[in-house]
Amino acid sequence: MTQPKAKLEDFLHQKKKKAFEHSQQQSKNKVKAKQNAQPVQNRRGRPLSK
């Protein structure tokens, strides 16, 4: 009985790891998008506060 349980725990661990790496990748993409975006300006041409 202990072996299937260990397999299940390992599987869940891998799943969590994958989800975590995916979220890390998404946050990296967000940062990149922010860096590449031109500063947004209001009607008077002043940059909007961030």
C-alpha atoms as a PDB file:
ATOM      1  CA  MET A   1       0.000   0.000   0.000  1.00  0.00           C
ATOM      2  CA  THR A   2       2.863   2.407   0.651  1.00  0.00           C
ATOM      3  CA  GLN A   3       4.193   2.264  -2.902  1.00  0.00           C
ATOM      4  CA  PRO A   4       1.060   3.493  -4.742  1.00  0.00           C
ATOM      5  CA  LYS A   5       0.749   6.259  -2.164  1.00  0.00           C
ATOM      6  CA  ALA A   6       4.341   7.314  -2.813  1.00  0.00           C
ATOM      7  CA  LYS A   7       3.637   7.305  -6.544  1.00  0.00           C
ATOM      8  CA  LEU A   8       0.581   9.468  -6.029  1.00  0.00           C
ATOM      9  CA  GLU A   9       2.510  11.937  -3.879  1.00  0.00           C
ATOM     10  CA  ASP A  10       5.253  12.093  -6.491  1.00  0.00           C
ATOM     11  CA  PHE A  11       2.671  12.707  -9.206  1.00  0.00           C
ATOM     12  CA  LEU A  12       1.047  15.507  -7.202  1.00  0.00           C
ATOM     13  CA  HIS A  13       4.449  17.031  -6.515  1.00  0.00           C
ATOM     14  CA  GLN A  14       5.276  17.060 -10.233  1.00  0.00           C
ATOM     15  CA  LYS A  15       1.894  18.608 -10.987  1.00  0.00           C
ATOM     16  CA  LYS A  16       2.440  21.385  -8.430  1.00  0.00           C
ATOM     17  CA  LYS A  17       5.944  22.006  -9.735  1.00  0.00           C
ATOM     18  CA  LYS A  18       4.666  22.334 -13.285  1.00  0.00           C
ATOM     19  CA  ALA A  19       1.914  24.744 -12.243  1.00  0.00           C
ATOM     20  CA  PHE A  20       4.410  26.814 -10.263  1.00  0.00           C
ATOM     21  CA  GLU A  21       6.850  27.007 -13.176  1.00  0.00           C
ATOM     22  CA  HIS A  22       3.993  27.959 -15.486  1.00  0.00           C
ATOM     23  CA  SER A  23       2.938  30.828 -13.215  1.00  0.00           C
ATOM     24  CA  GLN A  24       6.565  31.980 -12.952  1.00  0.00           C
ATOM     25  CA  GLN A  25       6.779  32.027 -16.742  1.00  0.00           C
ATOM     26  CA  GLN A  26       3.564  34.036 -16.995  1.00  0.00           C
ATOM     27  CA  SER A  27       4.794  36.648 -14.534  1.00  0.00           C
ATOM     28  CA  LYS A  28       8.035  36.943 -16.525  1.00  0.00           C
ATOM     29  CA  ASN A  29       5.973  37.537 -19.664  1.00  0.00           C
ATOM     30  CA  LYS A  30       3.969  40.236 -17.889  1.00  0.00           C
ATOM     31  CA  VAL A  31       7.153  42.038 -16.865  1.00  0.00           C
ATOM     32  CA  LYS A  32       8.467  41.844 -20.437  1.00  0.00           C
ATOM     33  CA  ALA A  33       5.200  43.204 -21.801  1.00  0.00           C
ATOM     34  CA  LYS A  34       5.366  46.122 -19.367  1.00  0.00           C
ATOM     35  CA  GLN A  35       8.933  46.924 -20.398  1.00  0.00           C
ATOM     36  CA  ASN A  36       8.080  46.814 -24.098  1.00  0.00           C
ATOM     37  CA  ALA A  37       4.912  48.907 -23.805  1.00  0.00           C
ATOM     38  CA  GLN A  38       5.209  52.564 -24.685  1.00  0.00           C
ATOM     39  CA  PRO A  39       4.410  54.831 -21.746  1.00  0.00           C
ATOM     40  CA  VAL A  40       0.702  55.594 -21.837  1.00  0.00           C
ATOM     41  CA  GLN A  41      -0.126  59.272 -21.938  1.00  0.00           C
ATOM     42  CA  ASN A  42      -3.257  61.174 -21.084  1.00  0.00           C
ATOM     43  CA  ARG A  43      -4.793  63.845 -23.309  1.00  0.00           C
ATOM     44  CA  ARG A  44      -2.338  66.537 -22.243  1.00  0.00           C
ATOM     45  CA  GLY A  45       0.586  64.319 -23.178  1.00  0.00           C
ATOM     46  CA  ARG A  46       1.599  63.714 -19.574  1.00  0.00           C
ATOM     47  CA  PRO A  47       2.540  60.142 -18.683  1.00  0.00           C
ATOM     48  CA  LEU A  48      -0.035  58.417 -16.502  1.00  0.00           C
ATOM     49  CA  SER A  49       1.145  57.638 -13.000  1.00  0.00           C
ATOM     50  CA  LYS A  50       1.902  53.973 -12.448  1.00  0.00           C
END
